[in-house]
Amino acid sequence: MAHDPTDARVRALEAERLQPTPPRPPRRAPGIDPGGLAELLDEAAGREPTQQQTEAAARLEDYTFARDTGDEVEMAAARVGITPATAKSKYEPLYRKGKQQ
């Protein structure tokens, strides 16, 4: 039987495949410098609320007042300009939580 170069190559590749591979070194997760992160958090904590946050807080206050004066959920929602579904899912839990405190 003649020496077949393809057969030798296949055996060499098969032997290489069966060799154990060293474990990969752990990957470093991309991150932020801890000092920079602390600076960003301090800066964010000192900011004034956005107009959207201010309007949402005012709507919640108006909703709470309407509910405290006896309005039903749907009526209070209509008074502050939100849908009854939003009132039930977002405003009502906050209203009930405030009543418990």
PDB file of N, CA and C in Angstrom:
ATOM      1  N   MET A   1       0.832  -1.164   0.000  1.00  0.00           N
ATOM      2  CA  MET A   1       0.000   0.000   0.000  1.00  0.00           C
ATOM      3  C   MET A   1       0.882   1.233   0.000  1.00  0.00           C
ATOM      4  N   ALA A   2       0.584   2.173  -0.888  1.00  0.00           N
ATOM      5  CA  ALA A   2       1.401   3.373  -1.051  1.00  0.00           C
ATOM      6  C   ALA A   2       1.026   4.394   0.011  1.00  0.00           C
ATOM      7  N   HIS A   3       1.991   5.223   0.300  1.00  0.00           N
ATOM      8  CA  HIS A   3       1.778   6.283   1.283  1.00  0.00           C
ATOM      9  C   HIS A   3       0.916   7.373   0.668  1.00  0.00           C
ATOM     10  N   ASP A   4      -0.213   7.638   1.287  1.00  0.00           N
ATOM     11  CA  ASP A   4      -1.145   8.637   0.775  1.00  0.00           C
ATOM     12  C   ASP A   4      -0.978   9.916   1.595  1.00  0.00           C
ATOM     13  N   PRO A   5      -0.568  11.054   0.964  1.00  0.00           N
ATOM     14  CA  PRO A   5      -0.376  12.295   1.729  1.00  0.00           C
ATOM     15  C   PRO A   5      -1.683  12.815   2.341  1.00  0.00           C
ATOM     16  N   THR A   6      -2.820  12.560   1.692  1.00  0.00           N
ATOM     17  CA  THR A   6      -4.103  13.010   2.228  1.00  0.00           C
ATOM     18  C   THR A   6      -4.430  12.268   3.512  1.00  0.00           C
ATOM     19  N   ASP A   7      -4.169  10.965   3.520  1.00  0.00           N
ATOM     20  CA  ASP A   7      -4.440  10.161   4.704  1.00  0.00           C
ATOM     21  C   ASP A   7      -3.585  10.628   5.876  1.00  0.00           C
ATOM     22  N   ALA A   8      -2.318  10.941   5.618  1.00  0.00           N
ATOM     23  CA  ALA A   8      -1.426  11.423   6.678  1.00  0.00           C
ATOM     24  C   ALA A   8      -1.912  12.769   7.212  1.00  0.00           C
ATOM     25  N   ARG A   9      -2.366  13.616   6.316  1.00  0.00           N
ATOM     26  CA  ARG A   9      -2.859  14.939   6.730  1.00  0.00           C
ATOM     27  C   ARG A   9      -4.119  14.800   7.586  1.00  0.00           C
ATOM     28  N   VAL A  10      -5.015  13.870   7.184  1.00  0.00           N
ATOM     29  CA  VAL A  10      -6.247  13.638   7.945  1.00  0.00           C
ATOM     30  C   VAL A  10      -5.911  13.149   9.340  1.00  0.00           C
ATOM     31  N   ARG A  11      -4.962  12.218   9.457  1.00  0.00           N
ATOM     32  CA  ARG A  11      -4.564  11.703  10.771  1.00  0.00           C
ATOM     33  C   ARG A  11      -3.939  12.807  11.625  1.00  0.00           C
ATOM     34  N   ALA A  12      -3.142  13.679  11.015  1.00  0.00           N
ATOM     35  CA  ALA A  12      -2.515  14.770  11.762  1.00  0.00           C
ATOM     36  C   ALA A  12      -3.577  15.761  12.278  1.00  0.00           C
ATOM     37  N   LEU A  13      -4.532  16.069  11.420  1.00  0.00           N
ATOM     38  CA  LEU A  13      -5.602  16.971  11.844  1.00  0.00           C
ATOM     39  C   LEU A  13      -6.459  16.351  12.938  1.00  0.00           C
ATOM     40  N   GLU A  14      -6.701  15.054  12.823  1.00  0.00           N
ATOM     41  CA  GLU A  14      -7.499  14.350  13.832  1.00  0.00           C
ATOM     42  C   GLU A  14      -6.752  14.335  15.166  1.00  0.00           C
ATOM     43  N   ALA A  15      -5.452  14.111  15.141  1.00  0.00           N
ATOM     44  CA  ALA A  15      -4.653  14.111  16.367  1.00  0.00           C
ATOM     45  C   ALA A  15      -4.639  15.513  16.987  1.00  0.00           C
ATOM     46  N   GLU A  16      -4.550  16.540  16.158  1.00  0.00           N
ATOM     47  CA  GLU A  16      -4.560  17.921  16.651  1.00  0.00           C
ATOM     48  C   GLU A  16      -5.906  18.257  17.293  1.00  0.00           C
ATOM     49  N   ARG A  17      -6.980  17.772  16.684  1.00  0.00           N
ATOM     50  CA  ARG A  17      -8.306  18.037  17.204  1.00  0.00           C
ATOM     51  C   ARG A  17      -8.507  17.393  18.570  1.00  0.00           C
ATOM     52  N   LEU A  18      -7.894  16.256  18.794  1.00  0.00           N
ATOM     53  CA  LEU A  18      -8.068  15.534  20.049  1.00  0.00           C
ATOM     54  C   LEU A  18      -7.208  16.085  21.178  1.00  0.00           C
ATOM     55  N   GLN A  19      -6.279  16.974  20.882  1.00  0.00           N
ATOM     56  CA  GLN A  19      -5.445  17.574  21.925  1.00  0.00           C
ATOM     57  C   GLN A  19      -6.309  18.489  22.797  1.00  0.00           C
ATOM     58  N   PRO A  20      -6.099  18.449  24.110  1.00  0.00           N
ATOM     59  CA  PRO A  20      -6.879  19.350  24.970  1.00  0.00           C
ATOM     60  C   PRO A  20      -6.501  20.809  24.693  1.00  0.00           C
ATOM     61  N   THR A  21      -7.494  21.644  24.687  1.00  0.00           N
ATOM     62  CA  THR A  21      -7.232  23.064  24.458  1.00  0.00           C
ATOM     63  C   THR A  21      -7.154  23.770  25.808  1.00  0.00           C
ATOM     64  N   PRO A  22      -6.235  24.700  25.929  1.00  0.00           N
ATOM     65  CA  PRO A  22      -6.131  25.410  27.214  1.00  0.00           C
ATOM     66  C   PRO A  22      -7.372  26.278  27.422  1.00  0.00           C
ATOM     67  N   PRO A  23      -7.770  26.461  28.670  1.00  0.00           N
ATOM     68  CA  PRO A  23      -8.949  27.293  28.922  1.00  0.00           C
ATOM     69  C   PRO A  23      -8.684  28.736  28.523  1.00  0.00           C
ATOM     70  N   ARG A  24      -9.728  29.382  28.073  1.00  0.00           N
ATOM     71  CA  ARG A  24      -9.591  30.784  27.686  1.00  0.00           C
ATOM     72  C   ARG A  24      -9.404  31.645  28.924  1.00  0.00           C
ATOM     73  N   PRO A  25      -8.612  32.687  28.788  1.00  0.00           N
ATOM     74  CA  PRO A  25      -8.490  33.592  29.930  1.00  0.00           C
ATOM     75  C   PRO A  25      -9.815  34.327  30.132  1.00  0.00           C
ATOM     76  N   PRO A  26     -10.145  34.656  31.375  1.00  0.00           N
ATOM     77  CA  PRO A  26     -11.419  35.348  31.605  1.00  0.00           C
ATOM     78  C   PRO A  26     -11.447  36.685  30.880  1.00  0.00           C
ATOM     79  N   ARG A  27     -12.617  36.987  30.305  1.00  0.00           N
ATOM     80  CA  ARG A  27     -12.767  38.255  29.584  1.00  0.00           C
ATOM     81  C   ARG A  27     -13.096  39.348  30.568  1.00  0.00           C
ATOM     82  N   ARG A  28     -12.489  40.477  30.342  1.00  0.00           N
ATOM     83  CA  ARG A  28     -12.816  41.636  31.165  1.00  0.00           C
ATOM     84  C   ARG A  28     -14.069  42.278  30.613  1.00  0.00           C
ATOM     85  N   ALA A  29     -15.001  42.479  31.480  1.00  0.00           N
ATOM     86  CA  ALA A  29     -16.229  43.143  31.054  1.00  0.00           C
ATOM     87  C   ALA A  29     -15.925  44.622  30.846  1.00  0.00           C
ATOM     88  N   PRO A  30     -16.520  45.212  29.821  1.00  0.00           N
ATOM     89  CA  PRO A  30     -16.300  46.638  29.642  1.00  0.00           C
ATOM     90  C   PRO A  30     -16.863  47.378  30.849  1.00  0.00           C
ATOM     91  N   GLY A  31     -16.168  48.353  31.278  1.00  0.00           N
ATOM     92  CA  GLY A  31     -16.623  49.045  32.481  1.00  0.00           C
ATOM     93  C   GLY A  31     -16.264  50.507  32.459  1.00  0.00           C
ATOM     94  N   ILE A  32     -16.643  51.126  33.509  1.00  0.00           N
ATOM     95  CA  ILE A  32     -16.400  52.551  33.686  1.00  0.00           C
ATOM     96  C   ILE A  32     -15.450  52.698  34.854  1.00  0.00           C
ATOM     97  N   ASP A  33     -14.615  53.651  34.790  1.00  0.00           N
ATOM     98  CA  ASP A  33     -13.712  53.949  35.887  1.00  0.00           C
ATOM     99  C   ASP A  33     -14.552  54.246  37.136  1.00  0.00           C
ATOM    100  N   PRO A  34     -14.283  53.595  38.279  1.00  0.00           N
ATOM    101  CA  PRO A  34     -15.101  53.829  39.468  1.00  0.00           C
ATOM    102  C   PRO A  34     -15.172  55.300  39.878  1.00  0.00           C
ATOM    103  N   GLY A  35     -14.085  56.023  39.711  1.00  0.00           N
ATOM    104  CA  GLY A  35     -14.108  57.449  40.035  1.00  0.00           C
ATOM    105  C   GLY A  35     -15.027  58.212  39.107  1.00  0.00           C
ATOM    106  N   GLY A  36     -14.985  57.852  37.814  1.00  0.00           N
ATOM    107  CA  GLY A  36     -15.860  58.500  36.844  1.00  0.00           C
ATOM    108  C   GLY A  36     -17.318  58.176  37.092  1.00  0.00           C
ATOM    109  N   LEU A  37     -17.585  56.927  37.498  1.00  0.00           N
ATOM    110  CA  LEU A  37     -18.960  56.530  37.797  1.00  0.00           C
ATOM    111  C   LEU A  37     -19.493  57.311  38.994  1.00  0.00           C
ATOM    112  N   ALA A  38     -18.687  57.438  40.031  1.00  0.00           N
ATOM    113  CA  ALA A  38     -19.116  58.191  41.211  1.00  0.00           C
ATOM    114  C   ALA A  38     -19.398  59.642  40.842  1.00  0.00           C
ATOM    115  N   GLU A  39     -18.575  60.202  39.975  1.00  0.00           N
ATOM    116  CA  GLU A  39     -18.777  61.592  39.541  1.00  0.00           C
ATOM    117  C   GLU A  39     -20.083  61.733  38.759  1.00  0.00           C
ATOM    118  N   LEU A  40     -20.350  60.775  37.863  1.00  0.00           N
ATOM    119  CA  LEU A  40     -21.602  60.806  37.099  1.00  0.00           C
ATOM    120  C   LEU A  40     -22.822  60.680  38.005  1.00  0.00           C
ATOM    121  N   LEU A  41     -22.743  59.786  38.990  1.00  0.00           N
ATOM    122  CA  LEU A  41     -23.868  59.603  39.910  1.00  0.00           C
ATOM    123  C   LEU A  41     -24.107  60.848  40.751  1.00  0.00           C
ATOM    124  N   ASP A  42     -23.041  61.476  41.204  1.00  0.00           N
ATOM    125  CA  ASP A  42     -23.180  62.716  41.977  1.00  0.00           C
ATOM    126  C   ASP A  42     -23.797  63.816  41.125  1.00  0.00           C
ATOM    127  N   GLU A  43     -23.376  63.901  39.880  1.00  0.00           N
ATOM    128  CA  GLU A  43     -23.903  64.915  38.975  1.00  0.00           C
ATOM    129  C   GLU A  43     -25.391  64.671  38.702  1.00  0.00           C
ATOM    130  N   ALA A  44     -25.766  63.400  38.500  1.00  0.00           N
ATOM    131  CA  ALA A  44     -27.172  63.078  38.224  1.00  0.00           C
ATOM    132  C   ALA A  44     -28.038  63.333  39.449  1.00  0.00           C
ATOM    133  N   ALA A  45     -27.512  63.089  40.633  1.00  0.00           N
ATOM    134  CA  ALA A  45     -28.291  63.287  41.857  1.00  0.00           C
ATOM    135  C   ALA A  45     -28.564  64.767  42.120  1.00  0.00           C
ATOM    136  N   GLY A  46     -27.696  65.631  41.669  1.00  0.00           N
ATOM    137  CA  GLY A  46     -27.863  67.050  41.932  1.00  0.00           C
ATOM    138  C   GLY A  46     -28.679  67.790  40.889  1.00  0.00           C
ATOM    139  N   ARG A  47     -29.097  67.105  39.854  1.00  0.00           N
ATOM    140  CA  ARG A  47     -29.833  67.756  38.773  1.00  0.00           C
ATOM    141  C   ARG A  47     -31.253  68.097  39.184  1.00  0.00           C
ATOM    142  N   GLU A  48     -31.759  69.123  38.557  1.00  0.00           N
ATOM    143  CA  GLU A  48     -33.164  69.477  38.699  1.00  0.00           C
ATOM    144  C   GLU A  48     -33.990  68.463  37.907  1.00  0.00           C
ATOM    145  N   PRO A  49     -35.207  68.166  38.341  1.00  0.00           N
ATOM    146  CA  PRO A  49     -36.030  67.242  37.567  1.00  0.00           C
ATOM    147  C   PRO A  49     -36.371  67.837  36.208  1.00  0.00           C
ATOM    148  N   THR A  50     -36.555  66.964  35.242  1.00  0.00           N
ATOM    149  CA  THR A  50     -36.905  67.423  33.898  1.00  0.00           C
ATOM    150  C   THR A  50     -38.343  67.932  33.897  1.00  0.00           C
ATOM    151  N   GLN A  51     -38.709  68.628  32.843  1.00  0.00           N
ATOM    152  CA  GLN A  51     -40.072  69.146  32.741  1.00  0.00           C
ATOM    153  C   GLN A  51     -41.073  67.994  32.738  1.00  0.00           C
ATOM    154  N   GLN A  52     -40.722  66.916  32.072  1.00  0.00           N
ATOM    155  CA  GLN A  52     -41.617  65.762  32.009  1.00  0.00           C
ATOM    156  C   GLN A  52     -41.829  65.178  33.410  1.00  0.00           C
ATOM    157  N   GLN A  53     -40.753  65.081  34.201  1.00  0.00           N
ATOM    158  CA  GLN A  53     -40.881  64.566  35.563  1.00  0.00           C
ATOM    159  C   GLN A  53     -41.710  65.499  36.425  1.00  0.00           C
ATOM    160  N   THR A  54     -41.529  66.805  36.253  1.00  0.00           N
ATOM    161  CA  THR A  54     -42.287  67.782  37.021  1.00  0.00           C
ATOM    162  C   THR A  54     -43.769  67.698  36.679  1.00  0.00           C
ATOM    163  N   GLU A  55     -44.088  67.569  35.385  1.00  0.00           N
ATOM    164  CA  GLU A  55     -45.482  67.456  34.967  1.00  0.00           C
ATOM    165  C   GLU A  55     -46.109  66.174  35.492  1.00  0.00           C
ATOM    166  N   ALA A  56     -45.366  65.084  35.486  1.00  0.00           N
ATOM    167  CA  ALA A  56     -45.891  63.815  35.990  1.00  0.00           C
ATOM    168  C   ALA A  56     -46.164  63.903  37.489  1.00  0.00           C
ATOM    169  N   ALA A  57     -45.281  64.566  38.220  1.00  0.00           N
ATOM    170  CA  ALA A  57     -45.488  64.726  39.662  1.00  0.00           C
ATOM    171  C   ALA A  57     -46.720  65.591  39.924  1.00  0.00           C
ATOM    172  N   ALA A  58     -46.912  66.618  39.117  1.00  0.00           N
ATOM    173  CA  ALA A  58     -48.083  67.483  39.284  1.00  0.00           C
ATOM    174  C   ALA A  58     -49.363  66.714  38.961  1.00  0.00           C
ATOM    175  N   ARG A  59     -49.341  65.870  37.915  1.00  0.00           N
ATOM    176  CA  ARG A  59     -50.517  65.058  37.586  1.00  0.00           C
ATOM    177  C   ARG A  59     -50.852  64.105  38.716  1.00  0.00           C
ATOM    178  N   LEU A  60     -49.811  63.492  39.305  1.00  0.00           N
ATOM    179  CA  LEU A  60     -50.042  62.573  40.416  1.00  0.00           C
ATOM    180  C   LEU A  60     -50.648  63.313  41.604  1.00  0.00           C
ATOM    181  N   GLU A  61     -50.155  64.499  41.877  1.00  0.00           N
ATOM    182  CA  GLU A  61     -50.708  65.296  42.976  1.00  0.00           C
ATOM    183  C   GLU A  61     -52.167  65.647  42.707  1.00  0.00           C
ATOM    184  N   ASP A  62     -52.482  66.056  41.479  1.00  0.00           N
ATOM    185  CA  ASP A  62     -53.857  66.381  41.111  1.00  0.00           C
ATOM    186  C   ASP A  62     -54.744  65.132  41.189  1.00  0.00           C
ATOM    187  N   TYR A  63     -54.225  64.003  40.745  1.00  0.00           N
ATOM    188  CA  TYR A  63     -54.976  62.750  40.795  1.00  0.00           C
ATOM    189  C   TYR A  63     -55.270  62.387  42.249  1.00  0.00           C
ATOM    190  N   THR A  64     -54.270  62.503  43.104  1.00  0.00           N
ATOM    191  CA  THR A  64     -54.447  62.196  44.521  1.00  0.00           C
ATOM    192  C   THR A  64     -55.500  63.098  45.147  1.00  0.00           C
ATOM    193  N   PHE A  65     -55.467  64.385  44.818  1.00  0.00           N
ATOM    194  CA  PHE A  65     -56.463  65.318  45.346  1.00  0.00           C
ATOM    195  C   PHE A  65     -57.865  64.916  44.884  1.00  0.00           C
ATOM    196  N   ALA A  66     -58.001  64.588  43.600  1.00  0.00           N
ATOM    197  CA  ALA A  66     -59.303  64.203  43.065  1.00  0.00           C
ATOM    198  C   ALA A  66     -59.825  62.942  43.746  1.00  0.00           C
ATOM    199  N   ARG A  67     -58.946  61.981  43.961  1.00  0.00           N
ATOM    200  CA  ARG A  67     -59.365  60.739  44.627  1.00  0.00           C
ATOM    201  C   ARG A  67     -59.705  60.997  46.090  1.00  0.00           C
ATOM    202  N   ASP A  68     -58.951  61.885  46.756  1.00  0.00           N
ATOM    203  CA  ASP A  68     -59.228  62.210  48.154  1.00  0.00           C
ATOM    204  C   ASP A  68     -60.568  62.921  48.323  1.00  0.00           C
ATOM    205  N   THR A  69     -60.989  63.646  47.308  1.00  0.00           N
ATOM    206  CA  THR A  69     -62.255  64.365  47.399  1.00  0.00           C
ATOM    207  C   THR A  69     -63.431  63.521  46.947  1.00  0.00           C
ATOM    208  N   GLY A  70     -63.205  62.231  46.689  1.00  0.00           N
ATOM    209  CA  GLY A  70     -64.294  61.317  46.414  1.00  0.00           C
ATOM    210  C   GLY A  70     -64.519  60.956  44.960  1.00  0.00           C
ATOM    211  N   ASP A  71     -63.700  61.437  44.043  1.00  0.00           N
ATOM    212  CA  ASP A  71     -63.880  61.079  42.635  1.00  0.00           C
ATOM    213  C   ASP A  71     -63.529  59.608  42.416  1.00  0.00           C
ATOM    214  N   GLU A  72     -64.262  58.978  41.505  1.00  0.00           N
ATOM    215  CA  GLU A  72     -63.939  57.616  41.099  1.00  0.00           C
ATOM    216  C   GLU A  72     -62.671  57.650  40.234  1.00  0.00           C
ATOM    217  N   VAL A  73     -62.079  56.489  40.012  1.00  0.00           N
ATOM    218  CA  VAL A  73     -60.834  56.388  39.239  1.00  0.00           C
ATOM    219  C   VAL A  73     -61.001  57.014  37.852  1.00  0.00           C
ATOM    220  N   GLU A  74     -62.084  56.680  37.167  1.00  0.00           N
ATOM    221  CA  GLU A  74     -62.293  57.174  35.805  1.00  0.00           C
ATOM    222  C   GLU A  74     -62.438  58.692  35.776  1.00  0.00           C
ATOM    223  N   MET A  75     -63.169  59.248  36.743  1.00  0.00           N
ATOM    224  CA  MET A  75     -63.379  60.693  36.794  1.00  0.00           C
ATOM    225  C   MET A  75     -62.072  61.411  37.136  1.00  0.00           C
ATOM    226  N   ALA A  76     -61.320  60.879  38.092  1.00  0.00           N
ATOM    227  CA  ALA A  76     -60.042  61.486  38.459  1.00  0.00           C
ATOM    228  C   ALA A  76     -59.078  61.438  37.276  1.00  0.00           C
ATOM    229  N   ALA A  77     -59.082  60.334  36.542  1.00  0.00           N
ATOM    230  CA  ALA A  77     -58.215  60.206  35.370  1.00  0.00           C
ATOM    231  C   ALA A  77     -58.587  61.248  34.326  1.00  0.00           C
ATOM    232  N   ALA A  78     -59.884  61.421  34.086  1.00  0.00           N
ATOM    233  CA  ALA A  78     -60.321  62.409  33.100  1.00  0.00           C
ATOM    234  C   ALA A  78     -59.928  63.820  33.526  1.00  0.00           C
ATOM    235  N   ARG A  79     -60.005  64.105  34.817  1.00  0.00           N
ATOM    236  CA  ARG A  79     -59.659  65.453  35.312  1.00  0.00           C
ATOM    237  C   ARG A  79     -58.188  65.795  35.097  1.00  0.00           C
ATOM    238  N   VAL A  80     -57.324  64.802  35.238  1.00  0.00           N
ATOM    239  CA  VAL A  80     -55.889  65.090  35.088  1.00  0.00           C
ATOM    240  C   VAL A  80     -55.365  64.792  33.683  1.00  0.00           C
ATOM    241  N   GLY A  81     -56.222  64.254  32.808  1.00  0.00           N
ATOM    242  CA  GLY A  81     -55.818  64.066  31.414  1.00  0.00           C
ATOM    243  C   GLY A  81     -55.075  62.784  31.123  1.00  0.00           C
ATOM    244  N   ILE A  82     -55.414  61.723  31.847  1.00  0.00           N
ATOM    245  CA  ILE A  82     -54.809  60.419  31.578  1.00  0.00           C
ATOM    246  C   ILE A  82     -55.929  59.424  31.305  1.00  0.00           C
ATOM    247  N   THR A  83     -55.573  58.279  30.747  1.00  0.00           N
ATOM    248  CA  THR A  83     -56.589  57.267  30.475  1.00  0.00           C
ATOM    249  C   THR A  83     -56.893  56.498  31.760  1.00  0.00           C
ATOM    250  N   PRO A  84     -58.075  55.941  31.870  1.00  0.00           N
ATOM    251  CA  PRO A  84     -58.389  55.124  33.046  1.00  0.00           C
ATOM    252  C   PRO A  84     -57.433  53.939  33.205  1.00  0.00           C
ATOM    253  N   ALA A  85     -56.974  53.376  32.089  1.00  0.00           N
ATOM    254  CA  ALA A  85     -56.026  52.253  32.174  1.00  0.00           C
ATOM    255  C   ALA A  85     -54.711  52.695  32.817  1.00  0.00           C
ATOM    256  N   THR A  86     -54.224  53.880  32.435  1.00  0.00           N
ATOM    257  CA  THR A  86     -52.997  54.406  33.041  1.00  0.00           C
ATOM    258  C   THR A  86     -53.230  54.697  34.518  1.00  0.00           C
ATOM    259  N   ALA A  87     -54.395  55.249  34.833  1.00  0.00           N
ATOM    260  CA  ALA A  87     -54.718  55.543  36.234  1.00  0.00           C
ATOM    261  C   ALA A  87     -54.697  54.268  37.064  1.00  0.00           C
ATOM    262  N   LYS A  88     -55.301  53.209  36.530  1.00  0.00           N
ATOM    263  CA  LYS A  88     -55.376  51.955  37.289  1.00  0.00           C
ATOM    264  C   LYS A  88     -54.031  51.270  37.420  1.00  0.00           C
ATOM    265  N   SER A  89     -53.197  51.357  36.380  1.00  0.00           N
ATOM    266  CA  SER A  89     -51.924  50.624  36.419  1.00  0.00           C
ATOM    267  C   SER A  89     -50.794  51.399  37.090  1.00  0.00           C
ATOM    268  N   LYS A  90     -50.800  52.725  36.977  1.00  0.00           N
ATOM    269  CA  LYS A  90     -49.665  53.487  37.492  1.00  0.00           C
ATOM    270  C   LYS A  90     -50.032  54.409  38.660  1.00  0.00           C
ATOM    271  N   TYR A  91     -51.121  55.147  38.543  1.00  0.00           N
ATOM    272  CA  TYR A  91     -51.462  56.145  39.548  1.00  0.00           C
ATOM    273  C   TYR A  91     -52.150  55.537  40.771  1.00  0.00           C
ATOM    274  N   GLU A  92     -53.057  54.608  40.549  1.00  0.00           N
ATOM    275  CA  GLU A  92     -53.822  54.031  41.663  1.00  0.00           C
ATOM    276  C   GLU A  92     -52.933  53.296  42.664  1.00  0.00           C
ATOM    277  N   PRO A  93     -51.943  52.477  42.214  1.00  0.00           N
ATOM    278  CA  PRO A  93     -51.053  51.849  43.208  1.00  0.00           C
ATOM    279  C   PRO A  93     -50.284  52.883  44.037  1.00  0.00           C
ATOM    280  N   LEU A  94     -49.853  53.971  43.408  1.00  0.00           N
ATOM    281  CA  LEU A  94     -49.147  55.013  44.157  1.00  0.00           C
ATOM    282  C   LEU A  94     -50.098  55.723  45.115  1.00  0.00           C
ATOM    283  N   TYR A  95     -51.332  55.925  44.682  1.00  0.00           N
ATOM    284  CA  TYR A  95     -52.326  56.561  45.536  1.00  0.00           C
ATOM    285  C   TYR A  95     -52.606  55.684  46.769  1.00  0.00           C
ATOM    286  N   ARG A  96     -52.785  54.396  46.550  1.00  0.00           N
ATOM    287  CA  ARG A  96     -53.058  53.481  47.668  1.00  0.00           C
ATOM    288  C   ARG A  96     -51.859  53.381  48.603  1.00  0.00           C
ATOM    289  N   LYS A  97     -50.679  53.381  48.021  1.00  0.00           N
ATOM    290  CA  LYS A  97     -49.462  53.313  48.844  1.00  0.00           C
ATOM    291  C   LYS A  97     -49.357  54.554  49.723  1.00  0.00           C
ATOM    292  N   GLY A  98     -49.694  55.708  49.168  1.00  0.00           N
ATOM    293  CA  GLY A  98     -49.661  56.956  49.934  1.00  0.00           C
ATOM    294  C   GLY A  98     -50.711  56.979  51.029  1.00  0.00           C
ATOM    295  N   LYS A  99     -51.854  56.338  50.803  1.00  0.00           N
ATOM    296  CA  LYS A  99     -52.921  56.292  51.808  1.00  0.00           C
ATOM    297  C   LYS A  99     -52.513  55.415  52.993  1.00  0.00           C
ATOM    298  N   GLN A 100     -51.685  54.416  52.763  1.00  0.00           N
ATOM    299  CA  GLN A 100     -51.271  53.499  53.834  1.00  0.00           C
ATOM    300  C   GLN A 100     -50.237  54.125  54.758  1.00  0.00           C
ATOM    301  N   GLN A 101     -49.517  55.077  54.263  1.00  0.00           N
ATOM    302  CA  GLN A 101     -48.432  55.658  55.068  1.00  0.00           C
ATOM    303  C   GLN A 101     -48.917  56.625  56.078  1.00  0.00           C
TER     304      GLN A 101
END
